[in-house]
Amino acid sequence: MVVHEVRRAPAARRLAVAVTVLLLGVAGLGLSGVMSATGQAFPAPTPQGRCGPGARPETGVQGRVPLSDYTSGRVRRGYRCNTRQVSHQGATGGFKVLRYTDRRGHTCAFYDSTLLFPKDVLFNATKGLGVIVLDMDDPAEPKQTATLTTPGMLSPHESLLLNKKRGLIGAVLGSPLTNIGILDLYDVKSDCRHPQLRSSTPTAILGHESGWSPDGKTYYAASTGGQTFVAIDVTHPAHPKRIFQQFGVNYHGLRVSDDGNTMYVANIGNPTGARISSGGLRILDVSEIQDREDSPRVHVIADLSWPEHSIPQVAEPFTRNGKPYLLEVDEYANFGLDGGLTQANAPVGAARIIDISNPKRPEVVSELRLAVHQPAARHGAQQLDPGALIPVQGYAGHYCSVPTRNDPKIVACSFILSGLRIFDISKLDRPVEVGYFNKPTVPGTKSINPTALGAFAMSQPAWDVKGRTVWYADANSGFYAVRLTNGVGRLLHH
């Protein structure tokens, strides 16, 4: 096992040094800040490209929705840059949006409707709990065709995932801490508009997050606070069987290499003191599980951390010219040195690209973050912004995704109060933010939850490559299909 702190690739390191010198010499600590109040070094925010025709730009620093916009009414118009709304459905959302085209050519969206169970039950009851199934054959006119309400689908927390190769959707009954790990498996390959339940079993032990092997024969579940990590053989979806279990690890999102042998873990760790996360990226050898060896073991290949990490959420693998990378994202903020999640010096990890060509020595190549995440921006007036002081909301990251594992040039991220953010990663060491779409909820507007305020974008985005569209969900306002405009959509094509 190799354990080490952050390693940055040479090009990224040179760029970070140059930006640091420039910012310190010209603007002091400024809103683009490179230091926290305690002297902690932070990467600079990702630069923004130009917004083309049709924009409704943000009025403050990158990613911020200030209180003044609520007071003036400006917030009601929303914010967009190189994007436009194609459609909107529902009034709530959760942690995942999935897209699938079945054997008959029908295209569907799946999204969980409940962010935090049981908190949302009262507000969602009028519309129906569970995982929402949408017929998206016409993306401008989504049609709800089913609602999945078996135990795992009622409260999947962050475990709802699709394996496209086998046409299987899996979810585990979970919660922020953990919950009884009932695994639900649905077949969607014949008719995605009407998923067929194959099994609902207590095979995951406990539940919170998850992962699929690319061949669709192994479903992994992590209970995070429950300290469990299990592998479930779903070769026969009607009869899943647990084949590996481990206790005492605080794992979050689990993603697996194309050959099924390597797992990339968002490792929260088991910290002491004020911090609620001590981890980062963990790379595991899971080949014995993939090969179905008797009494399989899992081996740690390497651990990687970075100074600005908050709570590691997930690390999605992709390649560029055959070279492997990860798109890793952190959620929320970690506890600040003065003891609170909402304090100005609490680190916001946001997202990053990691070079894993040498799995024993992974290196951070570049960062995807907004000016509003910076410690200097988190002082003073920003703390008055609606939602900014709510530990489970606030200005922070949650999920990012790429449209393909092979040579993606674009990234979409749900950055909670800042909405959907789009990044050009054509140059991996120099990403640029090229678009955003944010529809904050405003008091007095139609909402199931009368306390909803601001954006609550926490879902993993899905991609409609042909339509140059991103699908995501906001917990306060529902499902959105968002078109990329002004040439940004061309990044979806090689």
Protein backbone atom coordinates (compact mmCIF):
# COMPACT_ATOMS: atom_id res chain seq x y z
CA MET A 1 0.00 0.00 0.00
CA VAL A 2 1.21 3.49 -0.84
CA VAL A 3 -0.03 6.35 1.32
CA HIS A 4 0.87 9.94 0.58
CA GLU A 5 -0.45 13.47 0.48
CA VAL A 6 -1.37 15.37 -2.65
CA ARG A 7 0.88 15.06 -5.69
CA ARG A 8 0.32 17.53 -8.51
CA ALA A 9 1.42 16.89 -12.08
CA PRO A 10 4.29 19.17 -13.20
CA ALA A 11 2.27 21.32 -15.64
CA ALA A 12 -0.49 21.88 -13.13
CA ARG A 13 2.08 22.65 -10.44
CA ARG A 14 3.76 25.30 -12.58
CA LEU A 15 0.41 26.86 -13.40
CA ALA A 16 -0.67 26.89 -9.75
CA VAL A 17 2.58 28.61 -8.73
CA ALA A 18 2.21 31.22 -11.47
CA VAL A 19 -1.39 31.98 -10.53
CA THR A 20 -0.49 32.16 -6.85
CA VAL A 21 2.30 34.66 -7.46
CA LEU A 22 0.06 36.77 -9.68
CA LEU A 23 -2.85 36.85 -7.26
CA LEU A 24 -0.73 37.58 -4.23
CA GLY A 25 1.27 40.26 -6.01
CA VAL A 26 -1.62 42.04 -7.72
CA ALA A 27 -4.76 41.45 -5.72
CA GLY A 28 -3.72 40.40 -2.26
CA LEU A 29 -5.95 37.62 -1.06
CA GLY A 30 -8.99 38.94 -2.98
CA LEU A 31 -12.11 37.00 -3.87
CA SER A 32 -10.12 34.55 -5.97
CA GLY A 33 -8.19 33.81 -2.77
CA VAL A 34 -5.41 31.28 -2.56
CA MET A 35 -5.22 31.24 1.22
CA SER A 36 -7.71 30.54 3.96
CA ALA A 37 -7.92 32.68 7.06
CA THR A 38 -5.47 30.31 8.71
CA GLY A 39 -2.91 30.35 5.89
CA GLN A 40 -4.12 27.11 4.25
CA ALA A 41 -3.14 27.09 0.57
CA PHE A 42 -6.04 26.62 -1.86
CA PRO A 43 -6.07 26.19 -5.65
CA ALA A 44 -7.36 29.13 -7.66
CA PRO A 45 -10.91 28.99 -9.07
CA THR A 46 -11.40 27.72 -12.61
CA PRO A 47 -11.46 30.62 -15.10
CA GLN A 48 -14.68 31.41 -16.94
CA GLY A 49 -15.19 31.66 -20.67
CA ARG A 50 -17.47 34.16 -22.42
CA CYS A 51 -21.26 33.88 -22.21
CA GLY A 52 -22.81 34.09 -25.66
CA PRO A 53 -26.22 35.39 -26.81
CA GLY A 54 -29.20 34.58 -24.60
CA ALA A 55 -27.26 34.70 -21.33
CA ARG A 56 -28.70 35.77 -18.00
CA PRO A 57 -25.39 36.16 -16.18
CA GLU A 58 -24.70 35.87 -12.49
CA THR A 59 -24.50 39.22 -10.74
CA GLY A 60 -21.76 38.43 -8.26
CA VAL A 61 -18.63 36.33 -8.09
CA GLN A 62 -18.60 33.05 -10.00
CA GLY A 63 -21.27 30.71 -8.59
CA ARG A 64 -22.85 33.11 -6.09
CA VAL A 65 -26.55 34.00 -5.77
CA PRO A 66 -26.46 36.96 -3.39
CA LEU A 67 -29.18 38.02 -0.96
CA SER A 68 -29.52 41.27 -2.89
CA ASP A 69 -30.85 39.31 -5.89
CA TYR A 70 -33.62 37.86 -3.72
CA THR A 71 -34.43 41.30 -2.36
CA SER A 72 -34.56 42.91 -5.81
CA GLY A 73 -36.40 40.02 -7.44
CA ARG A 74 -33.59 39.36 -9.95
CA VAL A 75 -33.31 35.75 -8.72
CA ARG A 76 -36.72 34.90 -10.20
CA ARG A 77 -35.31 35.07 -13.73
CA GLY A 78 -32.67 32.46 -12.97
CA TYR A 79 -29.11 32.41 -14.29
CA ARG A 80 -27.76 30.88 -17.47
CA CYS A 81 -24.66 31.02 -19.61
CA ASN A 82 -24.44 29.14 -22.92
CA THR A 83 -27.43 27.03 -21.87
CA ARG A 84 -31.20 27.06 -22.24
CA GLN A 85 -34.00 25.03 -20.69
CA VAL A 86 -35.51 22.33 -22.90
CA SER A 87 -37.96 20.95 -20.36
CA HIS A 88 -38.81 20.74 -16.68
CA GLN A 89 -40.73 18.09 -14.76
CA GLY A 90 -41.73 17.61 -11.14
CA ALA A 91 -40.98 19.65 -8.07
CA THR A 92 -38.39 17.61 -6.15
CA GLY A 93 -35.22 15.71 -6.88
CA GLY A 94 -32.49 13.69 -5.27
CA PHE A 95 -28.97 12.47 -5.93
CA LYS A 96 -29.03 10.76 -9.33
CA VAL A 97 -30.34 11.29 -12.84
CA LEU A 98 -29.87 8.30 -15.17
CA ARG A 99 -30.44 7.95 -18.92
CA TYR A 100 -31.05 4.74 -20.88
CA THR A 101 -32.26 3.64 -24.33
CA ASP A 102 -33.90 0.21 -24.38
CA ARG A 103 -34.02 -2.52 -27.03
CA ARG A 104 -37.08 -0.96 -28.65
CA GLY A 105 -35.38 2.41 -29.01
CA HIS A 106 -37.28 4.16 -26.23
CA THR A 107 -35.21 6.58 -24.14
CA CYS A 108 -35.95 7.06 -20.45
CA ALA A 109 -34.80 9.14 -17.52
CA PHE A 110 -34.76 7.85 -13.96
CA TYR A 111 -34.33 10.08 -10.93
CA ASP A 112 -34.88 9.73 -7.21
CA SER A 113 -37.49 12.15 -5.90
CA THR A 114 -36.48 12.25 -2.23
CA LEU A 115 -33.32 13.98 -1.10
CA LEU A 116 -33.40 13.14 2.61
CA PHE A 117 -35.72 10.49 4.01
CA PRO A 118 -37.84 10.90 6.11
CA LYS A 119 -37.50 14.72 6.06
CA ASP A 120 -39.04 15.03 2.59
CA VAL A 121 -41.91 12.59 3.10
CA LEU A 122 -44.41 15.27 4.13
CA PHE A 123 -43.65 17.46 1.14
CA ASN A 124 -43.37 14.66 -1.43
CA ALA A 125 -46.42 12.71 -0.35
CA THR A 126 -48.74 14.68 -2.61
CA LYS A 127 -46.65 13.90 -5.68
CA GLY A 128 -45.51 10.40 -4.82
CA LEU A 129 -42.33 9.06 -3.27
CA GLY A 130 -39.84 6.82 -5.01
CA VAL A 131 -37.80 6.78 -8.21
CA ILE A 132 -39.51 8.62 -11.08
CA VAL A 133 -39.47 7.06 -14.57
CA LEU A 134 -39.80 9.47 -17.52
CA ASP A 135 -40.41 8.70 -21.19
CA MET A 136 -37.89 11.03 -22.87
CA ASP A 137 -38.50 10.10 -26.51
CA ASP A 138 -39.40 13.77 -26.88
CA PRO A 139 -37.03 15.58 -24.49
CA ALA A 140 -39.18 18.72 -24.69
CA GLU A 141 -42.20 16.78 -23.34
CA PRO A 142 -41.19 14.36 -20.56
CA LYS A 143 -43.94 11.90 -19.64
CA GLN A 144 -43.95 10.12 -16.30
CA THR A 145 -44.71 6.46 -16.95
CA ALA A 146 -43.92 4.81 -13.62
CA THR A 147 -42.82 5.37 -10.04
CA LEU A 148 -40.67 2.72 -8.35
CA THR A 149 -41.67 2.34 -4.71
CA THR A 150 -39.98 -0.82 -3.41
CA PRO A 151 -37.89 -0.23 -0.24
CA GLY A 152 -34.58 0.57 -1.93
CA MET A 153 -36.27 2.95 -4.37
CA LEU A 154 -38.23 4.81 -1.67
CA SER A 155 -35.00 5.96 -0.04
CA PRO A 156 -31.98 5.04 -2.18
CA HIS A 157 -29.99 7.96 -0.82
CA GLU A 158 -26.92 8.01 -3.15
CA SER A 159 -27.03 4.38 -4.28
CA LEU A 160 -29.27 4.59 -7.38
CA LEU A 161 -27.17 3.46 -10.35
CA LEU A 162 -27.70 2.00 -13.82
CA ASN A 163 -25.63 -0.64 -15.58
CA LYS A 164 -26.22 0.00 -19.29
CA LYS A 165 -24.58 -3.20 -20.50
CA ARG A 166 -27.17 -5.40 -18.76
CA GLY A 167 -30.00 -2.90 -18.53
CA LEU A 168 -30.21 -3.17 -14.74
CA ILE A 169 -30.99 -0.49 -12.18
CA GLY A 170 -29.93 -1.08 -8.59
CA ALA A 171 -30.56 0.87 -5.39
CA VAL A 172 -30.11 0.17 -1.68
CA LEU A 173 -32.31 1.42 1.13
CA GLY A 174 -30.07 4.08 2.65
CA SER A 175 -29.84 7.38 4.51
CA PRO A 176 -27.17 10.01 5.36
CA LEU A 177 -25.80 7.84 8.17
CA THR A 178 -26.92 4.42 6.97
CA ASN A 179 -30.06 2.30 6.71
CA ILE A 180 -31.13 -1.34 6.31
CA GLY A 181 -29.42 -2.46 3.12
CA ILE A 182 -32.28 -3.82 1.05
CA LEU A 183 -31.06 -4.07 -2.54
CA ASP A 184 -33.67 -3.62 -5.26
CA LEU A 185 -32.86 -4.70 -8.83
CA TYR A 186 -34.98 -3.70 -11.84
CA ASP A 187 -34.69 -4.81 -15.46
CA VAL A 188 -35.15 -1.95 -17.96
CA LYS A 189 -33.69 -3.39 -21.15
CA SER A 190 -36.99 -4.59 -22.67
CA ASP A 191 -39.08 -1.50 -21.86
CA CYS A 192 -37.41 1.25 -19.89
CA ARG A 193 -40.74 3.03 -19.46
CA HIS A 194 -42.00 0.19 -17.27
CA PRO A 195 -39.12 -1.34 -15.26
CA GLN A 196 -39.58 -4.91 -14.04
CA LEU A 197 -38.63 -5.79 -10.46
CA ARG A 198 -36.27 -8.76 -10.37
CA SER A 199 -35.53 -8.91 -6.63
CA SER A 200 -35.62 -7.03 -3.33
CA THR A 201 -33.25 -8.60 -0.80
CA PRO A 202 -31.30 -7.60 2.36
CA THR A 203 -27.99 -8.47 0.71
CA ALA A 204 -26.24 -5.11 1.16
CA ILE A 205 -26.25 -5.29 5.01
CA LEU A 206 -26.55 -1.48 5.29
CA GLY A 207 -26.92 1.27 2.69
CA HIS A 208 -25.74 4.71 1.53
CA GLU A 209 -23.63 4.68 -1.70
CA SER A 210 -22.80 2.12 -4.36
CA GLY A 211 -21.05 1.07 -7.57
CA TRP A 212 -21.37 -1.36 -10.49
CA SER A 213 -18.75 -3.50 -12.14
CA PRO A 214 -18.85 -2.58 -15.86
CA ASP A 215 -19.93 -6.11 -16.84
CA GLY A 216 -23.02 -5.68 -14.64
CA LYS A 217 -22.42 -8.86 -12.65
CA THR A 218 -21.30 -7.26 -9.38
CA TYR A 219 -23.09 -4.56 -7.41
CA TYR A 220 -21.04 -2.92 -4.64
CA ALA A 221 -22.59 -1.16 -1.63
CA ALA A 222 -21.02 1.08 1.01
CA SER A 223 -22.90 2.20 4.10
CA THR A 224 -20.46 5.04 4.86
CA GLY A 225 -21.28 5.84 8.52
CA GLY A 226 -22.33 2.22 8.98
CA GLN A 227 -18.73 1.17 8.23
CA THR A 228 -19.64 -1.64 5.82
CA PHE A 229 -18.45 -2.45 2.30
CA VAL A 230 -19.94 -5.39 0.42
CA ALA A 231 -19.90 -7.01 -3.01
CA ILE A 232 -23.03 -8.73 -4.33
CA ASP A 233 -23.08 -11.20 -7.20
CA VAL A 234 -26.03 -10.23 -9.42
CA THR A 235 -25.25 -12.54 -12.32
CA HIS A 236 -28.79 -13.81 -11.72
CA PRO A 237 -30.74 -10.64 -10.77
CA ALA A 238 -33.58 -12.65 -9.28
CA HIS A 239 -31.16 -14.31 -6.84
CA PRO A 240 -28.43 -11.88 -5.72
CA LYS A 241 -25.78 -13.28 -3.41
CA ARG A 242 -23.34 -11.45 -1.15
CA ILE A 243 -19.80 -12.67 -1.89
CA PHE A 244 -17.63 -10.23 0.07
CA GLN A 245 -18.02 -8.09 3.16
CA GLN A 246 -15.72 -5.78 5.10
CA PHE A 247 -16.31 -3.78 8.26
CA GLY A 248 -14.62 -0.72 9.74
CA VAL A 249 -14.21 1.30 6.52
CA ASN A 250 -15.95 4.62 5.87
CA TYR A 251 -16.36 4.48 2.08
CA HIS A 252 -18.53 6.72 -0.06
CA GLY A 253 -18.90 6.43 -3.87
CA LEU A 254 -17.43 3.32 -5.52
CA ARG A 255 -16.42 3.28 -9.19
CA VAL A 256 -14.71 0.46 -11.09
CA SER A 257 -12.25 0.23 -14.00
CA ASP A 258 -13.43 -1.14 -17.35
CA ASP A 259 -11.86 -4.55 -16.67
CA GLY A 260 -13.54 -4.76 -13.26
CA ASN A 261 -10.25 -5.29 -11.41
CA THR A 262 -9.62 -1.87 -9.87
CA MET A 263 -11.93 0.21 -7.71
CA TYR A 264 -11.68 3.96 -7.12
CA VAL A 265 -13.10 4.77 -3.70
CA ALA A 266 -14.15 8.12 -2.28
CA ASN A 267 -12.68 7.36 1.12
CA ILE A 268 -14.08 9.49 3.94
CA GLY A 269 -11.81 7.76 6.45
CA ASN A 270 -12.23 7.68 10.20
CA PRO A 271 -10.94 11.03 11.45
CA THR A 272 -10.64 12.33 14.98
CA GLY A 273 -11.18 15.85 16.27
CA ALA A 274 -13.10 18.57 14.42
CA ARG A 275 -12.76 17.24 10.88
CA ILE A 276 -15.44 14.87 9.61
CA SER A 277 -13.27 13.53 6.80
CA SER A 278 -9.64 12.46 6.86
CA GLY A 279 -9.58 10.61 3.56
CA GLY A 280 -9.45 11.33 -0.15
CA LEU A 281 -8.97 8.84 -2.96
CA ARG A 282 -8.34 5.16 -2.24
CA ILE A 283 -7.45 2.75 -5.06
CA LEU A 284 -8.32 -0.90 -4.42
CA ASP A 285 -7.46 -4.15 -6.17
CA VAL A 286 -10.80 -5.99 -6.38
CA SER A 287 -9.66 -8.56 -8.96
CA GLU A 288 -10.33 -11.51 -6.63
CA ILE A 289 -13.98 -10.44 -6.42
CA GLN A 290 -14.16 -9.91 -10.18
CA ASP A 291 -12.63 -13.37 -10.77
CA ARG A 292 -14.98 -14.96 -8.23
CA GLU A 293 -12.20 -16.50 -6.19
CA ASP A 294 -13.15 -18.37 -3.06
CA SER A 295 -12.86 -16.14 0.03
CA PRO A 296 -11.77 -13.09 -2.03
CA ARG A 297 -9.59 -10.39 -0.54
CA VAL A 298 -9.34 -6.72 -1.39
CA HIS A 299 -5.94 -5.00 -1.44
CA VAL A 300 -5.20 -1.30 -1.05
CA ILE A 301 -3.00 -0.05 -3.90
CA ALA A 302 -2.68 3.60 -2.87
CA ASP A 303 -4.24 6.46 -0.92
CA LEU A 304 -4.17 10.10 -2.02
CA SER A 305 -5.29 13.21 -0.17
CA TRP A 306 -5.21 16.94 -0.92
CA PRO A 307 -5.05 19.87 1.54
CA GLU A 308 -8.38 21.44 0.50
CA HIS A 309 -10.43 18.24 0.65
CA SER A 310 -13.83 18.29 2.28
CA ILE A 311 -15.91 15.08 2.07
CA PRO A 312 -14.94 12.84 -0.88
CA GLN A 313 -18.07 11.91 -2.82
CA VAL A 314 -17.07 9.94 -5.94
CA ALA A 315 -14.23 9.42 -8.44
CA GLU A 316 -15.35 8.69 -12.03
CA PRO A 317 -12.76 7.03 -14.31
CA PHE A 318 -12.09 8.21 -17.87
CA THR A 319 -9.25 8.12 -20.40
CA ARG A 320 -7.52 10.68 -22.61
CA ASN A 321 -5.57 9.26 -25.54
CA GLY A 322 -5.54 5.90 -23.75
CA LYS A 323 -4.16 7.35 -20.50
CA PRO A 324 -6.34 6.81 -17.37
CA TYR A 325 -7.67 9.65 -15.21
CA LEU A 326 -10.29 10.21 -12.53
CA LEU A 327 -12.83 12.98 -12.20
CA GLU A 328 -13.13 13.28 -8.41
CA VAL A 329 -15.59 15.51 -6.56
CA ASP A 330 -15.92 16.46 -2.89
CA GLU A 331 -19.21 17.43 -1.27
CA TYR A 332 -20.07 20.10 1.30
CA ALA A 333 -17.41 21.66 3.47
CA ASN A 334 -15.32 20.05 6.13
CA PHE A 335 -15.28 21.46 9.64
CA GLY A 336 -13.25 24.64 9.92
CA LEU A 337 -10.53 25.02 12.47
CA ASP A 338 -12.97 27.08 14.53
CA GLY A 339 -15.39 24.18 14.59
CA GLY A 340 -18.30 24.62 12.18
CA LEU A 341 -19.35 23.37 8.74
CA THR A 342 -20.59 26.81 7.74
CA GLN A 343 -17.59 28.78 8.92
CA ALA A 344 -15.67 30.79 6.37
CA ASN A 345 -12.45 28.83 6.75
CA ALA A 346 -14.11 25.41 6.39
CA PRO A 347 -12.49 23.83 3.30
CA VAL A 348 -14.67 23.37 0.21
CA GLY A 349 -13.02 20.65 -1.83
CA ALA A 350 -15.05 21.02 -5.07
CA ALA A 351 -13.62 18.78 -7.85
CA ARG A 352 -10.38 17.75 -9.53
CA ILE A 353 -8.83 15.67 -12.30
CA ILE A 354 -6.37 13.01 -11.13
CA ASP A 355 -3.78 11.18 -13.25
CA ILE A 356 -3.78 7.47 -12.35
CA SER A 357 -1.46 6.19 -15.06
CA ASN A 358 0.73 5.01 -12.20
CA PRO A 359 -1.91 3.71 -9.76
CA LYS A 360 0.62 3.61 -6.95
CA ARG A 361 1.43 7.32 -7.39
CA PRO A 362 -1.74 9.20 -8.45
CA GLU A 363 -1.33 12.92 -9.12
CA VAL A 364 -3.76 15.82 -9.14
CA VAL A 365 -3.64 17.47 -12.57
CA SER A 366 -6.10 20.35 -12.16
CA GLU A 367 -9.04 21.63 -10.12
CA LEU A 368 -12.66 22.39 -10.99
CA ARG A 369 -13.90 24.97 -8.51
CA LEU A 370 -15.72 28.29 -8.40
CA ALA A 371 -14.75 31.64 -6.94
CA VAL A 372 -17.61 31.30 -4.46
CA HIS A 373 -15.86 28.24 -2.98
CA GLN A 374 -12.75 30.19 -2.02
CA PRO A 375 -12.10 31.01 1.65
CA ALA A 376 -11.83 34.73 0.96
CA ALA A 377 -15.25 34.71 -0.74
CA ARG A 378 -16.83 32.76 2.12
CA HIS A 379 -16.37 35.62 4.60
CA GLY A 380 -18.87 38.35 5.38
CA ALA A 381 -21.80 39.04 3.07
CA GLN A 382 -21.86 35.60 1.43
CA GLN A 383 -22.90 34.08 4.73
CA LEU A 384 -26.17 36.00 4.46
CA ASP A 385 -27.10 34.36 1.16
CA PRO A 386 -30.15 32.04 1.39
CA GLY A 387 -28.97 28.50 2.06
CA ALA A 388 -25.33 29.46 2.58
CA LEU A 389 -25.33 28.65 6.29
CA ILE A 390 -27.23 25.36 5.99
CA PRO A 391 -24.63 22.56 6.37
CA VAL A 392 -26.44 20.23 3.91
CA GLN A 393 -26.89 23.01 1.37
CA GLY A 394 -24.39 25.86 0.98
CA TYR A 395 -21.91 26.69 -1.78
CA ALA A 396 -20.20 23.37 -2.42
CA GLY A 397 -19.90 20.52 -4.90
CA HIS A 398 -21.74 17.23 -4.94
CA TYR A 399 -21.63 15.18 -8.19
CA CYS A 400 -19.88 15.56 -11.53
CA SER A 401 -20.05 13.39 -14.65
CA VAL A 402 -18.56 12.99 -18.12
CA PRO A 403 -20.57 11.94 -21.21
CA THR A 404 -18.22 9.07 -22.02
CA ARG A 405 -15.30 7.28 -20.41
CA ASN A 406 -13.27 7.58 -23.61
CA ASP A 407 -11.75 10.98 -24.39
CA PRO A 408 -14.41 13.29 -22.90
CA LYS A 409 -13.85 17.00 -23.50
CA ILE A 410 -16.59 18.26 -21.21
CA VAL A 411 -17.73 17.88 -17.60
CA ALA A 412 -21.06 18.69 -15.91
CA CYS A 413 -21.27 19.24 -12.16
CA SER A 414 -24.08 19.83 -9.69
CA PHE A 415 -22.73 22.50 -7.35
CA ILE A 416 -25.67 22.76 -4.88
CA LEU A 417 -26.50 26.50 -4.52
CA SER A 418 -24.68 27.31 -7.79
CA GLY A 419 -26.73 24.90 -9.93
CA LEU A 420 -25.49 23.01 -12.99
CA ARG A 421 -21.94 23.97 -14.06
CA ILE A 422 -20.27 23.04 -17.36
CA PHE A 423 -16.48 22.79 -17.82
CA ASP A 424 -14.33 22.44 -20.94
CA ILE A 425 -11.57 19.91 -20.17
CA SER A 426 -10.04 19.79 -23.66
CA LYS A 427 -6.83 20.76 -21.88
CA LEU A 428 -6.83 18.63 -18.78
CA ASP A 429 -4.36 20.84 -16.94
CA ARG A 430 -6.26 24.04 -17.84
CA PRO A 431 -10.04 23.55 -17.57
CA VAL A 432 -12.39 26.45 -18.26
CA GLU A 433 -15.96 26.93 -17.07
CA VAL A 434 -18.01 27.43 -20.25
CA GLY A 435 -21.60 27.41 -19.03
CA TYR A 436 -24.07 27.23 -16.18
CA PHE A 437 -27.78 26.91 -15.48
CA ASN A 438 -29.29 27.79 -12.13
CA LYS A 439 -32.98 28.11 -11.16
CA PRO A 440 -33.11 28.99 -7.46
CA THR A 441 -36.41 28.50 -5.66
CA VAL A 442 -37.90 31.76 -4.40
CA PRO A 443 -40.42 32.28 -1.57
CA GLY A 444 -43.91 32.58 -3.02
CA THR A 445 -43.26 30.40 -6.07
CA LYS A 446 -44.91 27.02 -6.51
CA SER A 447 -43.11 24.44 -4.41
CA ILE A 448 -44.19 21.34 -2.54
CA ASN A 449 -41.87 22.36 0.28
CA PRO A 450 -42.76 25.87 1.51
CA THR A 451 -39.38 26.14 3.24
CA ALA A 452 -37.43 25.52 0.01
CA LEU A 453 -35.08 28.37 -0.78
CA GLY A 454 -32.37 28.71 -3.40
CA ALA A 455 -30.98 25.92 -5.55
CA PHE A 456 -30.39 22.43 -4.16
CA ALA A 457 -28.60 20.83 -7.11
CA MET A 458 -27.13 17.57 -5.82
CA SER A 459 -27.75 15.05 -8.59
CA GLN A 460 -25.26 13.25 -10.78
CA PRO A 461 -25.99 14.70 -14.25
CA ALA A 462 -26.84 12.50 -17.25
CA TRP A 463 -25.97 13.21 -20.88
CA ASP A 464 -27.96 13.24 -24.11
CA VAL A 465 -25.00 13.50 -26.47
CA LYS A 466 -27.00 13.60 -29.72
CA GLY A 467 -29.28 16.31 -28.33
CA ARG A 468 -26.34 18.25 -26.83
CA THR A 469 -28.29 18.25 -23.59
CA VAL A 470 -27.59 17.63 -19.90
CA TRP A 471 -30.22 16.24 -17.52
CA TYR A 472 -30.07 16.98 -13.81
CA ALA A 473 -32.38 17.38 -10.81
CA ASP A 474 -32.72 20.08 -8.18
CA ALA A 475 -34.11 18.95 -4.81
CA ASN A 476 -36.18 22.13 -4.53
CA SER A 477 -37.64 22.27 -8.04
CA GLY A 478 -37.39 18.95 -9.92
CA PHE A 479 -35.94 17.54 -13.16
CA TYR A 480 -34.42 19.67 -15.93
CA ALA A 481 -33.22 18.99 -19.46
CA VAL A 482 -30.72 21.73 -20.38
CA ARG A 483 -29.41 22.36 -23.91
CA LEU A 484 -25.82 23.52 -24.40
CA THR A 485 -25.75 26.56 -26.71
CA ASN A 486 -23.36 28.93 -28.49
CA GLY A 487 -21.09 26.13 -29.65
CA VAL A 488 -20.49 24.57 -26.21
CA GLY A 489 -22.36 21.43 -27.30
CA ARG A 490 -19.68 20.73 -29.90
CA LEU A 491 -17.45 19.61 -27.06
CA LEU A 492 -19.63 16.50 -26.84
CA HIS A 493 -18.33 15.27 -30.19
CA HIS A 494 -14.78 14.14 -30.90
